[in-house]
Amino acid sequence: MIEIVHGDTSKTPMGMGTYGSRSLAVGGSAMVRATEKIIAKAKKIAAHLMEASEAMSS
């Protein structure tokens, strides 16, 4: 029989943190992709507002 207890400080008072390097390996990649999408969208908007080619706004 296995019982999983998560986040109960009365039963497990000492944690080991988030292991930041592992968090960054997963979350960092998602952040990079999301940022690339935001930049691409911003370039389209800026090109439209400036009445310029999207290729010129890089």
Protein backbone atom coordinates (compact mmCIF):
# COMPACT_ATOMS: atom_id res chain seq x y z
CA MET A 1 0.00 0.00 0.00
CA ILE A 2 1.37 3.43 -0.99
CA GLU A 3 0.23 6.79 0.34
CA ILE A 4 1.41 9.95 -1.41
CA VAL A 5 1.46 13.11 0.71
CA HIS A 6 2.18 16.37 -1.10
CA GLY A 7 2.67 19.72 0.58
CA ASP A 8 1.76 18.72 4.13
CA THR A 9 4.43 20.42 6.24
CA SER A 10 3.32 18.65 9.40
CA LYS A 11 4.32 15.31 7.83
CA THR A 12 7.22 16.41 5.65
CA PRO A 13 8.66 19.60 7.18
CA MET A 14 11.91 19.60 5.13
CA GLY A 15 11.60 20.02 1.38
CA MET A 16 14.28 19.85 -1.26
CA GLY A 17 13.16 22.81 -3.38
CA THR A 18 12.14 22.81 -7.03
CA TYR A 19 15.46 21.68 -8.49
CA GLY A 20 15.66 24.80 -10.64
CA SER A 21 17.79 23.26 -13.38
CA ARG A 22 15.07 20.71 -14.12
CA SER A 23 12.37 23.34 -13.95
CA LEU A 24 14.23 25.50 -16.43
CA ALA A 25 14.78 22.60 -18.83
CA VAL A 26 11.02 22.12 -19.11
CA GLY A 27 9.66 25.61 -18.52
CA GLY A 28 12.49 27.47 -20.24
CA SER A 29 11.78 25.84 -23.58
CA ALA A 30 8.10 26.75 -23.34
CA MET A 31 9.03 30.33 -22.46
CA VAL A 32 11.35 30.62 -25.47
CA ARG A 33 8.69 29.35 -27.86
CA ALA A 34 6.04 31.66 -26.41
CA THR A 35 8.43 34.62 -26.62
CA GLU A 36 9.20 33.83 -30.27
CA LYS A 37 5.47 33.87 -31.04
CA ILE A 38 5.04 37.20 -29.24
CA ILE A 39 7.95 38.75 -31.15
CA ALA A 40 6.60 37.49 -34.50
CA LYS A 41 3.17 38.95 -33.75
CA ALA A 42 4.67 42.25 -32.60
CA LYS A 43 6.66 42.49 -35.85
CA LYS A 44 3.48 42.00 -37.89
CA ILE A 45 1.67 44.68 -35.91
CA ALA A 46 4.62 47.11 -36.10
CA ALA A 47 5.00 46.56 -39.84
CA HIS A 48 1.30 47.22 -40.36
CA LEU A 49 1.35 50.39 -38.25
CA MET A 50 4.47 51.69 -39.98
CA GLU A 51 3.14 50.68 -43.40
CA ALA A 52 6.33 48.71 -44.02
CA SER A 53 7.21 45.20 -45.05
CA GLU A 54 7.35 42.70 -42.23
CA ALA A 55 10.81 41.63 -43.41
CA MET A 56 12.10 45.17 -42.88
CA SER A 57 11.12 45.21 -39.19
CA SER A 58 13.58 42.56 -37.99
